[in-house]
Protein backbone atom coordinates (compact mmCIF):
# COMPACT_ATOMS: atom_id res chain seq x y z
CA MET A 1 102.97 7.71 102.89
CA SER A 2 102.81 11.15 101.28
CA ALA A 3 103.02 11.41 97.52
CA LEU A 4 105.37 13.82 95.81
CA PRO A 5 103.75 16.98 94.46
CA SER A 6 102.88 16.61 90.81
CA ASP A 7 105.25 19.41 89.75
CA ALA A 8 108.13 17.81 91.61
CA ALA A 9 107.33 14.40 90.19
CA ASP A 10 107.17 15.82 86.66
CA GLU A 11 110.46 17.63 87.20
CA GLY A 12 112.06 14.40 88.43
CA LEU A 13 110.80 12.50 85.41
CA THR A 14 112.05 15.24 83.13
CA HIS A 15 115.51 15.15 84.67
CA GLU A 16 115.52 11.35 84.44
CA ALA A 17 114.49 11.46 80.78
CA HIS A 18 117.24 13.94 80.01
CA ALA A 19 119.74 11.81 81.85
CA GLN A 20 118.85 8.83 79.67
CA VAL A 21 119.49 10.72 76.39
CA PRO A 22 123.15 10.23 75.43
CA GLU A 23 125.11 13.26 74.36
CA PRO A 24 126.01 13.21 70.65
CA THR A 25 129.61 12.20 70.11
CA PRO A 26 131.54 15.00 68.40
CA VAL A 27 133.01 14.06 65.04
CA PRO A 28 136.82 14.36 65.15
CA THR A 29 138.33 16.59 62.48
CA LEU A 30 141.07 14.06 61.87
CA ASN A 31 139.02 11.23 60.42
CA VAL A 32 139.25 8.90 57.41
CA ALA A 33 137.15 11.11 55.13
CA ASN A 34 139.19 14.23 55.83
CA LEU A 35 142.45 12.30 55.48
CA LEU A 36 141.34 11.25 52.01
CA THR A 37 140.63 14.90 51.19
CA LEU A 38 144.06 15.94 52.48
CA SER A 39 145.69 13.17 50.45
CA ARG A 40 144.12 14.70 47.34
CA LEU A 41 145.73 18.05 48.17
CA VAL A 42 149.09 16.34 48.71
CA LEU A 43 148.84 14.60 45.33
CA VAL A 44 148.30 17.87 43.44
CA PRO A 45 151.94 19.12 43.53
CA LEU A 46 153.20 15.58 42.85
CA PHE A 47 150.93 15.40 39.82
CA VAL A 48 152.16 18.77 38.54
CA LEU A 49 155.81 17.75 38.93
CA ALA A 50 155.21 14.51 37.03
CA LEU A 51 153.32 16.34 34.29
CA PHE A 52 156.17 18.77 33.57
CA VAL A 53 159.03 16.26 33.52
CA GLY A 54 160.68 16.53 30.09
CA GLU A 55 158.36 19.45 29.25
CA GLY A 56 155.46 17.02 29.21
CA ASN A 57 156.98 14.86 26.48
CA ASP A 58 158.26 11.99 28.62
CA THR A 59 155.86 9.10 27.99
CA THR A 60 156.59 7.33 31.26
CA TRP A 61 156.09 10.43 33.38
CA ARG A 62 152.93 11.36 31.50
CA ALA A 63 151.55 7.94 32.40
CA ILE A 64 152.59 8.52 36.03
CA ALA A 65 150.94 11.96 36.01
CA THR A 66 147.75 10.43 34.61
CA GLY A 67 147.81 7.76 37.32
CA LEU A 68 148.25 10.35 40.06
CA PHE A 69 145.37 12.40 38.66
CA ALA A 70 143.14 9.32 38.48
CA VAL A 71 143.94 8.28 42.06
CA ALA A 72 143.33 11.81 43.33
CA SER A 73 140.02 11.98 41.44
CA ALA A 74 138.97 8.65 42.98
CA THR A 75 139.49 10.05 46.48
CA ASP A 76 136.98 12.77 45.62
CA GLN A 77 134.26 10.15 45.23
CA LEU A 78 135.48 8.05 48.14
CA ASP A 79 135.79 10.73 50.82
CA GLY A 80 132.21 11.92 50.31
CA TRP A 81 130.86 8.35 50.46
CA VAL A 82 132.83 7.57 53.63
CA ALA A 83 131.74 10.82 55.31
CA ARG A 84 128.04 10.18 54.61
CA LYS A 85 128.06 6.46 55.39
CA TYR A 86 129.91 6.72 58.70
CA GLY A 87 128.70 10.13 59.86
CA LEU A 88 132.08 11.82 59.50
CA ILE A 89 130.86 15.10 58.03
CA THR A 90 132.74 18.07 59.53
CA ASP A 91 132.97 21.80 58.87
CA PHE A 92 136.60 21.27 57.86
CA GLY A 93 135.56 18.68 55.29
CA LYS A 94 132.87 20.95 53.85
CA ILE A 95 135.53 23.60 53.18
CA ALA A 96 138.53 21.44 52.30
CA ASP A 97 136.74 19.07 49.90
CA PRO A 98 135.73 21.65 47.23
CA ILE A 99 139.12 23.36 47.60
CA ALA A 100 140.89 20.06 46.91
CA ASP A 101 138.62 19.38 43.91
CA LYS A 102 139.28 22.76 42.33
CA ALA A 103 143.01 22.57 43.08
CA LEU A 104 143.28 19.23 41.28
CA THR A 105 141.17 20.14 38.25
CA GLY A 106 142.66 23.63 38.03
CA ALA A 107 146.23 22.31 38.20
CA ALA A 108 145.53 19.85 35.38
CA LEU A 109 143.88 22.42 33.11
CA VAL A 110 146.50 25.12 33.71
CA GLY A 111 149.28 22.57 33.27
CA LEU A 112 147.89 21.39 29.93
CA SER A 113 147.47 24.99 28.77
CA VAL A 114 151.03 25.89 29.79
CA LEU A 115 152.26 22.92 27.76
CA GLY A 116 150.29 24.21 24.78
CA GLU A 117 148.05 21.13 24.61
CA LEU A 118 144.82 22.83 25.63
CA GLY A 119 143.55 26.26 24.67
CA TRP A 120 143.70 28.83 27.45
CA TRP A 121 140.11 29.84 26.69
CA VAL A 122 138.93 26.39 27.79
CA THR A 123 140.80 26.67 31.07
CA ILE A 124 139.48 30.20 31.64
CA VAL A 125 135.84 29.24 30.98
CA ILE A 126 135.99 26.36 33.44
CA ALA A 127 137.91 28.41 36.02
CA VAL A 128 135.41 31.29 35.85
CA ARG A 129 132.53 28.87 36.34
CA GLU A 130 134.12 27.15 39.34
CA ILE A 131 135.13 30.41 41.03
CA GLY A 132 131.70 31.88 40.31
CA VAL A 133 129.89 28.93 41.90
CA THR A 134 132.12 29.18 44.96
CA LEU A 135 131.25 32.87 45.34
CA LEU A 136 127.55 32.06 44.90
CA ARG A 137 127.78 29.55 47.75
CA PHE A 138 129.00 32.30 50.06
CA TRP A 139 126.35 34.67 48.70
CA VAL A 140 123.46 32.41 49.74
CA ILE A 141 125.01 30.72 52.77
CA ARG A 142 122.73 32.65 55.15
CA HIS A 143 119.66 31.23 53.44
CA GLY A 144 120.65 27.62 52.87
CA VAL A 145 122.77 25.23 50.87
CA ILE A 146 122.08 24.29 47.27
CA PRO A 147 122.48 20.51 46.95
CA ALA A 148 124.57 19.00 44.21
CA SER A 149 122.52 18.21 41.13
CA ARG A 150 122.81 15.30 38.72
CA GLY A 151 124.07 17.76 36.15
CA GLY A 152 126.81 18.89 38.51
CA LYS A 153 127.92 15.32 39.08
CA ALA A 154 127.85 14.64 35.34
CA LYS A 155 129.93 17.80 34.81
CA THR A 156 132.56 16.56 37.23
CA MET A 157 132.77 13.15 35.59
CA ALA A 158 132.96 14.71 32.12
CA GLN A 159 135.78 17.02 33.20
CA ILE A 160 137.73 14.11 34.70
CA ALA A 161 137.27 11.97 31.58
CA ALA A 162 138.34 14.82 29.29
CA ILE A 163 141.40 15.68 31.37
CA VAL A 164 142.48 12.03 31.50
CA ALA A 165 142.14 11.83 27.71
CA TYR A 166 144.43 14.85 27.37
CA LEU A 167 146.91 13.59 29.94
CA LEU A 168 147.36 10.13 28.46
CA PRO A 169 150.30 9.85 26.01
CA LEU A 170 148.10 8.86 23.08
CA PRO A 171 148.72 9.29 19.32
CA ALA A 172 147.35 12.31 17.47
CA GLY A 173 144.71 10.09 15.86
CA VAL A 174 142.63 10.21 19.06
CA ASP A 175 142.46 14.02 19.08
CA PRO A 176 138.81 14.05 17.88
CA VAL A 177 137.89 11.94 20.92
CA ARG A 178 139.69 14.40 23.19
CA TRP A 179 137.92 17.34 21.58
CA ALA A 180 134.53 15.64 21.91
CA LEU A 181 135.06 14.85 25.61
CA MET A 182 136.29 18.35 26.40
CA GLY A 183 133.42 19.83 24.38
CA LEU A 184 130.93 17.83 26.44
CA ALA A 185 132.67 18.92 29.65
CA LEU A 186 132.49 22.57 28.56
CA VAL A 187 128.78 22.38 27.71
CA LEU A 188 127.96 20.76 31.06
CA THR A 189 130.20 23.25 32.86
CA VAL A 190 128.37 26.25 31.40
CA VAL A 191 124.85 24.78 31.65
CA THR A 192 125.25 23.68 35.27
CA GLY A 193 126.83 27.03 36.11
CA VAL A 194 123.77 28.87 34.79
CA ASP A 195 121.49 26.42 36.63
CA TYR A 196 123.37 27.06 39.88
CA LEU A 197 123.06 30.82 39.37
CA VAL A 198 119.29 30.55 38.87
CA ARG A 199 118.85 28.34 41.94
CA ALA A 200 121.03 30.66 44.03
CA VAL A 201 118.98 33.71 43.06
CA ARG A 202 115.73 31.89 43.88
CA LEU A 203 117.05 30.64 47.21
CA ARG A 204 118.24 34.09 48.22
CA ALA A 205 114.95 35.67 47.19
CA ALA A 206 112.97 33.08 49.16
CA GLY A 207 115.22 33.56 52.17
CA ARG A 208 114.81 37.32 52.08
CA ARG A 209 111.03 36.98 51.92
CA VAL A 210 111.08 34.79 55.03
CA THR A 211 113.43 37.00 57.02
CA GLY A 212 112.16 40.27 55.60
CA SER A 213 115.72 41.44 54.97
């Protein structure tokens, strides 16, 4: 009996090995994580409508608006956890998730400023930071992705807590608590924005040294 040539045998083994490796299953765009993200976008206009009923002075509707904001904020934490745990990360989710976050927070801040309950300068500072970080992401996208920091997560939680405090129909006696929460949110917003800028500049510089461009 004649043996197969070694090259042919190796080629056969290679083909067999490749045949045994299953192809990765593509992640569908329409999955649980992305549906949670889309639900957050859907809740934004409903939240705004509830907030402006009775020019923001209707206690019942303010409570409803607060509830809608809280539920939408919860989906922000949930969709990321679901996507990571079950391998449902998609390009759509990477784009839609931060858009939904900024739409929700921005709608709340602008709404409160329009109602005269929050200074416009606060809304502008936070908006400039969020838009700036988004632009920085595109600026360094060729060289890598800057992971979320603990400070960034703390900033998000502080913003949510401060906004909820302003949304709730509470007596004027709790105003110092509102100011303290929003002050903390502002400090974390600015500090983490500067930190992101520094990390973006370093990442871009390192990437340009590697590529020589």
